[in-house]
Amino acid sequence: MILFCMLYFHTELIMWTTLFLLLCIAQFTKVIYYFTPDNQFVRGPWYPLLIIQIFVSAFLLIVVAVSVSALSMFGIIVADLVEQNTHQRQKIADQHANSIRAHDHSRR
């Protein structure tokens, strides 16, 4: 599971770095988008690459968030089960001690 999280972390890091680089490139070139002198937005030839990158990055972020949520829910369930088991063992130990005391008391 740790390998799974690390893989998605590195993939997400690469995707965000790519997005940052594409946005930096967009500021100085007309490859992704640009504005005309009369303030019209024009999409460049690499504009679909930016959209695909944003979509994939958002999808990976959702996958990672769901994975983290599932792991936290699993941890909460395991902690609850451990607490129930501990409580049950304590109850059994108390019953056993009472049984021994009752047996010793009846022998007198």
C-alpha atoms as a PDB file:
ATOM      1  CA  MET A   1       0.000   0.000   0.000  1.00  0.00           C
ATOM      2  CA  ILE A   2       2.902   2.334   0.739  1.00  0.00           C
ATOM      3  CA  LEU A   3       4.332   1.644  -2.715  1.00  0.00           C
ATOM      4  CA  PHE A   4       0.910   2.491  -4.185  1.00  0.00           C
ATOM      5  CA  CYS A   5       0.821   5.834  -2.346  1.00  0.00           C
ATOM      6  CA  MET A   6       4.409   6.667  -3.273  1.00  0.00           C
ATOM      7  CA  LEU A   7       3.728   5.911  -6.943  1.00  0.00           C
ATOM      8  CA  TYR A   8       0.748   8.248  -6.989  1.00  0.00           C
ATOM      9  CA  PHE A   9       2.621  10.881  -5.015  1.00  0.00           C
ATOM     10  CA  HIS A  10       5.462  10.911  -7.537  1.00  0.00           C
ATOM     11  CA  THR A  11       3.032  10.867 -10.460  1.00  0.00           C
ATOM     12  CA  GLU A  12       1.088  13.759  -8.965  1.00  0.00           C
ATOM     13  CA  LEU A  13       4.308  15.667  -8.310  1.00  0.00           C
ATOM     14  CA  ILE A  14       5.354  15.205 -11.940  1.00  0.00           C
ATOM     15  CA  MET A  15       1.929  16.326 -13.163  1.00  0.00           C
ATOM     16  CA  TRP A  16       1.904  19.491 -11.029  1.00  0.00           C
ATOM     17  CA  THR A  17       5.458  20.300 -12.073  1.00  0.00           C
ATOM     18  CA  THR A  18       4.433  19.874 -15.715  1.00  0.00           C
ATOM     19  CA  LEU A  19       1.441  22.157 -15.172  1.00  0.00           C
ATOM     20  CA  PHE A  20       3.663  24.783 -13.557  1.00  0.00           C
ATOM     21  CA  LEU A  21       6.134  24.609 -16.435  1.00  0.00           C
ATOM     22  CA  LEU A  22       3.352  24.837 -19.027  1.00  0.00           C
ATOM     23  CA  LEU A  23       1.923  27.886 -17.294  1.00  0.00           C
ATOM     24  CA  CYS A  24       5.371  29.503 -17.146  1.00  0.00           C
ATOM     25  CA  ILE A  25       5.849  28.798 -20.861  1.00  0.00           C
ATOM     26  CA  ALA A  26       2.405  30.243 -21.553  1.00  0.00           C
ATOM     27  CA  GLN A  27       3.381  33.590 -20.051  1.00  0.00           C
ATOM     28  CA  PHE A  28       6.196  34.178 -22.519  1.00  0.00           C
ATOM     29  CA  THR A  29       5.111  32.377 -25.706  1.00  0.00           C
ATOM     30  CA  LYS A  30       2.004  31.973 -27.831  1.00  0.00           C
ATOM     31  CA  VAL A  31       2.238  28.168 -27.821  1.00  0.00           C
ATOM     32  CA  ILE A  32      -0.535  27.486 -25.264  1.00  0.00           C
ATOM     33  CA  TYR A  33      -2.597  30.673 -25.294  1.00  0.00           C
ATOM     34  CA  TYR A  34      -2.249  34.385 -25.739  1.00  0.00           C
ATOM     35  CA  PHE A  35      -4.203  37.615 -25.751  1.00  0.00           C
ATOM     36  CA  THR A  36      -4.519  39.831 -28.771  1.00  0.00           C
ATOM     37  CA  PRO A  37      -3.997  43.619 -28.489  1.00  0.00           C
ATOM     38  CA  ASP A  38      -7.788  44.075 -28.294  1.00  0.00           C
ATOM     39  CA  ASN A  39      -7.890  41.683 -25.266  1.00  0.00           C
ATOM     40  CA  GLN A  40      -9.210  38.597 -27.093  1.00  0.00           C
ATOM     41  CA  PHE A  41      -8.248  35.189 -25.725  1.00  0.00           C
ATOM     42  CA  VAL A  42      -6.728  32.903 -28.396  1.00  0.00           C
ATOM     43  CA  ARG A  43      -5.881  29.246 -27.832  1.00  0.00           C
ATOM     44  CA  GLY A  44      -2.538  28.088 -29.141  1.00  0.00           C
ATOM     45  CA  PRO A  45      -1.666  24.690 -30.667  1.00  0.00           C
ATOM     46  CA  TRP A  46      -0.598  23.227 -27.284  1.00  0.00           C
ATOM     47  CA  TYR A  47      -3.756  24.312 -25.477  1.00  0.00           C
ATOM     48  CA  PRO A  48      -5.290  20.769 -25.511  1.00  0.00           C
ATOM     49  CA  LEU A  49      -2.141  19.528 -23.770  1.00  0.00           C
ATOM     50  CA  LEU A  50      -2.848  21.909 -20.898  1.00  0.00           C
ATOM     51  CA  ILE A  51      -6.460  20.720 -20.619  1.00  0.00           C
ATOM     52  CA  ILE A  52      -5.437  17.042 -20.679  1.00  0.00           C
ATOM     53  CA  GLN A  53      -2.767  17.679 -18.069  1.00  0.00           C
ATOM     54  CA  ILE A  54      -5.225  19.443 -15.748  1.00  0.00           C
ATOM     55  CA  PHE A  55      -7.775  16.634 -16.154  1.00  0.00           C
ATOM     56  CA  VAL A  56      -5.239  13.873 -15.432  1.00  0.00           C
ATOM     57  CA  SER A  57      -3.819  15.771 -12.474  1.00  0.00           C
ATOM     58  CA  ALA A  58      -7.268  16.309 -10.966  1.00  0.00           C
ATOM     59  CA  PHE A  59      -8.127  12.629 -11.507  1.00  0.00           C
ATOM     60  CA  LEU A  60      -4.939  11.524  -9.745  1.00  0.00           C
ATOM     61  CA  LEU A  61      -5.654  13.904  -6.893  1.00  0.00           C
ATOM     62  CA  ILE A  62      -9.100  12.331  -6.482  1.00  0.00           C
ATOM     63  CA  VAL A  63      -7.590   8.826  -6.500  1.00  0.00           C
ATOM     64  CA  VAL A  64      -5.062   9.786  -3.840  1.00  0.00           C
ATOM     65  CA  ALA A  65      -7.723  11.488  -1.698  1.00  0.00           C
ATOM     66  CA  VAL A  66     -10.005   8.449  -1.872  1.00  0.00           C
ATOM     67  CA  SER A  67      -7.083   6.160  -1.019  1.00  0.00           C
ATOM     68  CA  VAL A  68      -6.141   8.260   2.002  1.00  0.00           C
ATOM     69  CA  SER A  69      -9.787   8.326   3.114  1.00  0.00           C
ATOM     70  CA  ALA A  70     -10.049   4.544   2.793  1.00  0.00           C
ATOM     71  CA  LEU A  71      -6.844   4.067   4.782  1.00  0.00           C
ATOM     72  CA  SER A  72      -8.045   6.378   7.541  1.00  0.00           C
ATOM     73  CA  MET A  73     -11.407   4.588   7.693  1.00  0.00           C
ATOM     74  CA  PHE A  74      -9.569   1.249   7.892  1.00  0.00           C
ATOM     75  CA  GLY A  75      -7.420   2.613  10.728  1.00  0.00           C
ATOM     76  CA  ILE A  76     -10.467   3.800  12.646  1.00  0.00           C
ATOM     77  CA  ILE A  77     -12.177   0.417  12.213  1.00  0.00           C
ATOM     78  CA  VAL A  78      -9.066  -1.478  13.333  1.00  0.00           C
ATOM     79  CA  ALA A  79      -8.648   0.800  16.369  1.00  0.00           C
ATOM     80  CA  ASP A  80     -12.293   0.227  17.310  1.00  0.00           C
ATOM     81  CA  LEU A  81     -11.913  -3.542  16.944  1.00  0.00           C
ATOM     82  CA  VAL A  82      -8.759  -3.525  19.080  1.00  0.00           C
ATOM     83  CA  GLU A  83     -10.589  -1.532  21.757  1.00  0.00           C
ATOM     84  CA  GLN A  84     -13.541  -3.959  21.685  1.00  0.00           C
ATOM     85  CA  ASN A  85     -11.173  -6.936  21.873  1.00  0.00           C
ATOM     86  CA  THR A  86      -9.313  -5.425  24.828  1.00  0.00           C
ATOM     87  CA  HIS A  87     -12.589  -4.699  26.622  1.00  0.00           C
ATOM     88  CA  GLN A  88     -13.830  -8.236  25.929  1.00  0.00           C
ATOM     89  CA  ARG A  89     -10.588  -9.796  27.220  1.00  0.00           C
ATOM     90  CA  GLN A  90     -10.825  -7.706  30.385  1.00  0.00           C
ATOM     91  CA  LYS A  91     -14.428  -8.821  30.891  1.00  0.00           C
ATOM     92  CA  ILE A  92     -13.434 -12.487  30.424  1.00  0.00           C
ATOM     93  CA  ALA A  93     -10.536 -12.077  32.875  1.00  0.00           C
ATOM     94  CA  ASP A  94     -12.900 -10.525  35.451  1.00  0.00           C
ATOM     95  CA  GLN A  95     -15.404 -13.360  34.984  1.00  0.00           C
ATOM     96  CA  HIS A  96     -12.614 -15.914  35.349  1.00  0.00           C
ATOM     97  CA  ALA A  97     -11.354 -14.227  38.539  1.00  0.00           C
ATOM     98  CA  ASN A  98     -14.900 -14.155  39.962  1.00  0.00           C
ATOM     99  CA  SER A  99     -15.328 -17.830  39.092  1.00  0.00           C
ATOM    100  CA  ILE A 100     -12.101 -18.740  40.896  1.00  0.00           C
ATOM    101  CA  ARG A 101     -13.137 -16.666  43.937  1.00  0.00           C
ATOM    102  CA  ALA A 102     -16.553 -18.295  43.991  1.00  0.00           C
ATOM    103  CA  HIS A 103     -14.986 -21.756  43.710  1.00  0.00           C
ATOM    104  CA  ASP A 104     -12.527 -21.000  46.554  1.00  0.00           C
ATOM    105  CA  HIS A 105     -15.349 -19.538  48.678  1.00  0.00           C
ATOM    106  CA  SER A 106     -17.491 -22.657  48.196  1.00  0.00           C
ATOM    107  CA  ARG A 107     -14.627 -24.948  49.280  1.00  0.00           C
ATOM    108  CA  ARG A 108     -14.409 -23.284  52.697  1.00  0.00           C
END
